[in-house]
Structures are given as C-alpha cells and as structure tokens.
C-alpha cells in the first residue's frame, strides 16, 4: 500500500471512530485498485491510478466517499448522491460488509 503521510495527517484530524472508517476505506481502495496513489488535493485525500477516481472527506456527522467520472458506475438502487454529471458520493457513518461489497464494485467499475 502506497501510504501518503499527508493523507494520514488529514485522517488524524477526525474522531477516533471516523479514523477507523477512513483507514478501512483507504485499505479497501488500495486492495481493490491496482497502482493507487493518494495525495491531498482541494484540501482532501484524492486517490488516482493515473487519473483521479475517488476522494474521502469527513465532517462532524459522516464520511463522504466520492467518485469522479461517474458515468462508469452502475447504481440501480440510487445509493449515490449528487446532482452533477461528473461527481457522485455516498455518506458513511459506519462501514458495514454490505457497503464494502458495493463500494468494491463501484471502485472496479470506475477504474476499468
């Protein structure tokens, strides 16, 4: 896993519960997508493999996992939020196995 200290520092500003979820999401991204690089862009962690494909952000009540180039993602249950044509996101408070499996599918779709 190619860990960026600036991303770790960003995570450390969250609550303990959020740090655990952020690290779990980070690991899921790195385990699912080949050649992932992470960096801070626009004051948040952005993940790419030659092209930006996802970002993480936290707020007081939830963590946002966002996706770029959402035209590649299939979301028949309308789980993703956002009204733009290029960005969509999902808000996470607790990461459950069902969510992890869905996120893994989205990551595979968006990086194919």
Protein backbone atom coordinates (compact mmCIF):
# COMPACT_ATOMS: atom_id res chain seq x y z
CA UNK A 1 0.00 0.00 0.00
CA UNK A 2 1.43 3.35 -1.08
CA UNK A 3 0.69 5.48 2.01
CA UNK A 4 0.98 9.28 1.87
CA UNK A 5 1.81 10.89 5.23
CA UNK A 6 -0.25 13.99 4.36
CA UNK A 7 -3.33 11.77 3.93
CA UNK A 8 -2.63 10.09 7.27
CA UNK A 9 -2.30 13.53 8.87
CA UNK A 10 -5.67 14.52 7.37
CA UNK A 11 -7.29 11.38 8.84
CA UNK A 12 -5.83 12.15 12.27
CA UNK A 13 -7.97 15.29 12.49
CA UNK A 14 -11.14 13.16 12.55
CA UNK A 15 -12.73 11.44 15.54
CA UNK A 16 -11.43 8.02 16.62
CA UNK A 17 -14.46 6.28 15.12
CA UNK A 18 -14.05 8.16 11.85
CA UNK A 19 -10.31 7.43 11.70
CA UNK A 20 -11.11 3.71 11.86
CA UNK A 21 -13.62 4.02 8.99
CA UNK A 22 -11.30 6.25 6.93
CA UNK A 23 -8.47 3.73 7.29
CA UNK A 24 -10.78 0.87 6.39
CA UNK A 25 -11.92 2.74 3.25
CA UNK A 26 -8.31 3.56 2.39
CA UNK A 27 -7.36 -0.11 2.66
CA UNK A 28 -10.38 -1.14 0.57
CA UNK A 29 -9.35 1.31 -2.16
CA UNK A 30 -5.75 0.09 -2.19
CA UNK A 31 -6.79 -3.59 -2.09
CA UNK A 32 -9.32 -3.18 -4.92
CA UNK A 33 -7.49 -0.93 -7.37
CA UNK A 34 -4.01 -1.53 -8.79
CA UNK A 35 -1.29 1.13 -8.64
CA UNK A 36 -3.16 3.54 -6.37
CA UNK A 37 -1.54 6.82 -5.45
CA UNK A 38 -3.01 9.07 -2.81
CA UNK A 39 -2.46 12.76 -2.32
CA UNK A 40 -4.08 15.84 -0.86
CA UNK A 41 -5.90 17.90 -3.49
CA UNK A 42 -8.53 20.50 -2.81
CA UNK A 43 -7.82 20.01 0.93
CA UNK A 44 -8.91 16.35 0.94
CA UNK A 45 -7.42 12.92 0.11
CA UNK A 46 -7.77 12.06 -3.57
CA UNK A 47 -6.98 8.62 -4.99
CA UNK A 48 -5.73 8.00 -8.51
CA UNK A 49 -4.15 5.38 -10.71
CA UNK A 50 -3.08 7.72 -13.48
CA UNK A 51 -6.43 9.51 -13.25
CA UNK A 52 -8.34 10.71 -10.17
CA UNK A 53 -11.15 8.26 -9.36
CA UNK A 54 -12.16 8.81 -5.71
CA UNK A 55 -11.87 11.12 -2.72
CA UNK A 56 -12.52 10.97 1.01
CA UNK A 57 -13.70 13.77 3.26
CA UNK A 58 -15.02 13.85 6.80
CA UNK A 59 -17.43 16.15 8.60
CA UNK A 60 -18.92 16.11 12.09
CA UNK A 61 -21.64 13.59 11.24
CA UNK A 62 -20.28 11.40 8.43
CA UNK A 63 -17.54 10.49 5.99
CA UNK A 64 -18.02 11.21 2.32
CA UNK A 65 -16.62 8.82 -0.27
CA UNK A 66 -16.87 10.48 -3.64
CA UNK A 67 -16.28 9.22 -7.15
CA UNK A 68 -15.13 11.05 -10.27
CA UNK A 69 -16.26 10.13 -13.79
CA UNK A 70 -19.42 8.51 -12.52
CA UNK A 71 -20.63 7.59 -15.99
CA UNK A 72 -18.79 4.27 -15.49
CA UNK A 73 -20.68 3.42 -12.30
CA UNK A 74 -23.87 1.40 -12.25
CA UNK A 75 -26.13 2.49 -9.39
CA UNK A 76 -29.57 0.95 -9.97
CA UNK A 77 -30.56 1.43 -6.30
CA UNK A 78 -29.65 5.14 -6.39
CA UNK A 79 -27.32 4.87 -3.42
CA UNK A 80 -25.05 7.62 -4.71
CA UNK A 81 -25.91 11.25 -4.02
CA UNK A 82 -25.15 14.39 -6.00
CA UNK A 83 -26.65 16.15 -8.94
CA UNK A 84 -23.55 16.77 -11.04
CA UNK A 85 -22.63 14.96 -14.22
CA UNK A 86 -19.12 14.01 -13.16
CA UNK A 87 -19.16 13.57 -9.35
CA UNK A 88 -21.30 11.46 -7.03
CA UNK A 89 -20.80 10.45 -3.42
CA UNK A 90 -22.04 8.28 -0.61
CA UNK A 91 -22.17 9.33 3.05
CA UNK A 92 -20.89 6.78 5.55
CA UNK A 93 -21.14 6.71 9.33
CA UNK A 94 -20.47 3.01 9.95
CA UNK A 95 -18.93 0.78 7.29
CA UNK A 96 -20.85 -2.48 7.02
CA UNK A 97 -19.93 -5.53 4.95
CA UNK A 98 -22.77 -4.90 2.51
CA UNK A 99 -21.49 -1.36 1.92
CA UNK A 100 -17.92 -2.60 1.50
CA UNK A 101 -19.01 -5.01 -1.22
CA UNK A 102 -20.93 -2.26 -3.03
CA UNK A 103 -18.00 0.17 -2.79
CA UNK A 104 -15.66 -2.52 -4.11
CA UNK A 105 -17.95 -3.00 -7.15
CA UNK A 106 -18.01 0.75 -7.79
CA UNK A 107 -14.23 1.00 -7.50
CA UNK A 108 -13.77 -1.82 -10.01
CA UNK A 109 -16.25 -0.21 -12.41
CA UNK A 110 -14.75 3.26 -12.22
CA UNK A 111 -11.16 2.09 -12.73
CA UNK A 112 -11.72 -0.41 -15.56
